[in-house]
Every structure is written in structure tokens, then in C-alpha cells.
Protein backbone atom coordinates (compact mmCIF):
# COMPACT_ATOMS: atom_id res chain seq x y z
CA MET A 1 15.99 -87.53 -28.55
CA ALA A 2 16.71 -90.66 -30.39
CA LYS A 3 19.94 -92.40 -30.10
CA LYS A 4 22.29 -92.04 -33.09
CA ARG A 5 23.35 -95.09 -34.95
CA LYS A 6 26.99 -95.77 -35.38
CA ALA A 7 26.81 -97.83 -38.59
CA SER A 8 25.31 -96.59 -41.80
CA THR A 9 22.50 -98.50 -43.31
CA ALA A 10 23.35 -100.25 -46.54
CA ILE A 11 20.92 -101.90 -48.85
CA ALA A 12 21.81 -105.51 -49.29
CA ARG A 13 21.33 -106.44 -52.92
CA PRO A 14 21.29 -109.98 -54.21
CA THR A 15 24.23 -111.14 -56.42
CA TYR A 16 22.19 -111.26 -59.62
CA TYR A 17 22.12 -107.47 -59.60
CA ALA A 18 25.89 -107.34 -59.93
CA GLN A 19 27.09 -105.57 -63.07
CA PRO A 20 29.00 -107.90 -65.43
CA THR A 21 32.41 -106.73 -66.56
CA ARG A 22 32.40 -105.74 -70.22
CA THR A 23 34.94 -107.15 -72.62
CA PRO A 24 36.80 -104.50 -74.54
CA ALA A 25 35.56 -103.80 -78.04
CA PRO A 26 37.70 -105.21 -80.86
CA ILE A 27 40.15 -102.81 -82.41
CA VAL A 28 39.32 -102.19 -86.05
CA ARG A 29 42.15 -100.80 -88.12
CA VAL A 30 41.08 -98.83 -91.13
CA THR A 31 43.74 -98.45 -93.81
CA VAL A 32 43.44 -95.70 -96.32
CA PRO A 33 45.34 -95.99 -99.60
CA SER A 34 48.14 -93.54 -99.92
CA PRO A 35 47.83 -91.03 -102.70
CA LYS A 36 49.83 -92.19 -105.74
CA LYS A 37 50.78 -90.59 -108.97
CA ALA A 38 48.66 -91.58 -111.91
CA LYS A 39 50.48 -93.99 -114.19
CA ARG A 40 51.27 -92.72 -117.63
CA ARG A 41 49.91 -94.94 -120.31
CA ALA A 42 51.63 -95.20 -123.63
CA SER A 43 49.69 -93.81 -126.52
CA HIS A 44 48.91 -96.36 -129.20
CA SER A 45 49.54 -95.54 -132.78
CA SER A 46 47.27 -96.86 -135.48
CA LYS A 47 50.16 -97.12 -137.94
CA GLY A 48 53.22 -99.30 -137.94
CA GLY A 49 53.69 -101.78 -135.16
CA GLY A 50 54.75 -105.22 -136.28
CA GLY A 51 58.10 -105.32 -134.52
CA ASN A 52 57.46 -108.88 -133.37
CA PHE A 53 56.35 -109.92 -136.86
CA THR A 54 59.54 -108.50 -138.32
CA LYS A 55 61.64 -110.56 -135.89
CA THR A 56 59.67 -113.68 -136.73
CA LEU A 57 59.93 -113.05 -140.45
CA MET A 58 63.67 -112.44 -140.32
CA GLY A 59 64.21 -115.51 -138.15
CA ALA A 60 62.20 -117.66 -140.54
CA ALA A 61 64.07 -116.29 -143.56
CA LEU A 62 67.49 -116.88 -142.01
CA THR A 63 66.69 -120.39 -140.85
CA THR A 64 65.15 -121.25 -144.22
CA ALA A 65 68.40 -120.18 -145.82
CA LEU A 66 70.24 -122.31 -143.24
CA VAL A 67 68.14 -125.38 -144.11
CA GLY A 68 68.70 -124.74 -147.82
CA TYR A 69 72.45 -124.49 -147.26
CA ALA A 70 72.42 -127.71 -145.22
CA GLU A 71 70.59 -129.49 -148.04
CA LYS A 72 72.93 -128.10 -150.72
CA SER A 73 76.12 -128.98 -148.84
CA GLY A 74 74.96 -132.51 -148.00
CA ILE A 75 74.67 -132.08 -144.23
CA LEU A 76 70.97 -132.88 -144.44
CA ASN A 77 71.78 -136.23 -146.12
CA ASN A 78 73.53 -137.37 -142.92
CA LEU A 79 70.28 -137.14 -140.93
CA PRO A 80 68.22 -140.28 -140.46
CA GLN A 81 64.84 -140.01 -142.09
CA ILE A 82 61.32 -140.83 -141.06
CA PRO A 83 59.80 -142.74 -144.03
CA ILE A 84 56.78 -140.55 -144.77
CA ILE A 85 58.01 -137.05 -143.97
CA GLY A 86 61.56 -137.24 -145.38
CA ARG A 87 64.71 -135.54 -144.16
CA LYS A 88 63.29 -132.01 -143.90
CA GLY A 89 60.29 -133.29 -141.98
CA THR A 90 62.65 -135.20 -139.69
CA LEU A 91 64.61 -131.99 -139.17
CA ALA A 92 61.36 -130.16 -138.36
CA VAL A 93 60.28 -132.79 -135.82
CA ALA A 94 63.73 -132.91 -134.20
CA ALA A 95 63.96 -129.11 -133.98
CA TYR A 96 60.42 -128.94 -132.56
CA PHE A 97 61.27 -131.35 -129.74
CA TRP A 98 64.57 -129.55 -129.19
CA SER A 99 62.72 -126.23 -128.83
CA LYS A 100 60.37 -127.77 -126.25
CA ASN A 101 63.36 -128.96 -124.20
CA GLY A 102 65.36 -125.76 -123.97
CA GLY A 103 66.42 -125.16 -127.57
CA GLY A 104 65.18 -121.60 -127.55
CA GLN A 105 64.09 -119.32 -130.35
CA ILE A 106 66.57 -120.67 -132.90
CA ALA A 107 65.20 -124.19 -132.58
CA ARG A 108 61.64 -122.87 -133.00
CA ASP A 109 62.66 -120.98 -136.14
CA VAL A 110 64.45 -124.03 -137.60
CA ALA A 111 61.41 -126.22 -136.90
CA MET A 112 59.10 -123.71 -138.57
CA ALA A 113 61.35 -123.28 -141.61
CA ALA A 114 61.83 -127.03 -142.13
CA ALA A 115 58.10 -127.65 -141.79
CA ILE A 116 57.31 -124.90 -144.27
CA LEU A 117 59.86 -126.20 -146.79
CA SER A 118 58.67 -129.81 -146.50
CA ALA A 119 55.02 -128.73 -146.88
CA TYR A 120 55.97 -126.65 -149.92
CA GLU A 121 57.78 -129.56 -151.57
CA PHE A 122 54.93 -131.93 -150.84
CA SER A 123 52.32 -129.60 -152.31
CA LYS A 124 54.48 -128.79 -155.36
CA ASP A 125 55.85 -132.23 -156.32
CA GLY A 126 53.69 -134.63 -154.34
CA THR A 127 56.81 -135.96 -152.58
CA ILE A 128 59.32 -134.67 -150.08
CA SER A 129 62.99 -135.00 -151.00
CA GLY A 130 64.56 -137.83 -149.06
CA ALA A 131 61.22 -139.50 -148.41
CA ASP A 132 61.16 -143.16 -149.28
CA TYR A 133 57.60 -144.33 -149.92
CA THR A 134 58.44 -147.95 -150.83
């Protein structure tokens, strides 16, 4: 009988047969939107509306009355005037710049009312009261 071997035979493989270690696959997180209640939308009416227009109209009416009172009482005569646009135009320009620098809604309304009044006077009489054209 043949003599038994003590060591097992192993196949010697070259190093290029070695299995490379795999990098783990990137983790992809999938987010699913949570179920939400449907938002209620306000129904629009075809009639009415105009709440903002009413505020604007009332503001213009009140400030026009304020400019008229200032002219009647002589407060407007104390303002310096710009030669072509008169005292009301000067008030409109001053109120416009005041509204741009933090004057708020009142300054915007005063500027609009003074501009409307000076444009009305100019179209009616051809001059603006307080304007000196010489």
C-alpha cells in the first residue's frame, strides 16, 4: 500500500485571482410626503368686493378735505413754494418723499390728494394757486 500523506494538497493560486473587497452600496433614503388635509379655498363671489378701493377712496376724500382746510385756514400759505407747481404741488412732492421715507399710508393719501387738487386747478384755471410764473 501507498504511504499516506500528512499534509493536504492545496492549489496555489496567483494573487491576481484574489477577490477584491466590495465597497458598501450607498444608502438611499426615500422620503414619502405625509398625508395632509386638503386646504380649503375661499369661494370667490362675482359681486361686491372693492374693500381696498373703499379704503383708498375714503382716505383720498379725508385728505382732500384736510388739504382744503389747510388752504382755507392759511396753513398752506406758510409752505415754501416751487415756482411752477405752486403750494399744493409742493405739498404733493413733500408728502410723496415723506411717504417713501416712512411716512406711511397717510403721507401717500396726502400726496395723492394734493396732486389731484393741483392738477384740477391747473386744468380748470390754467394756473395753480400760489404758483408764481413771473
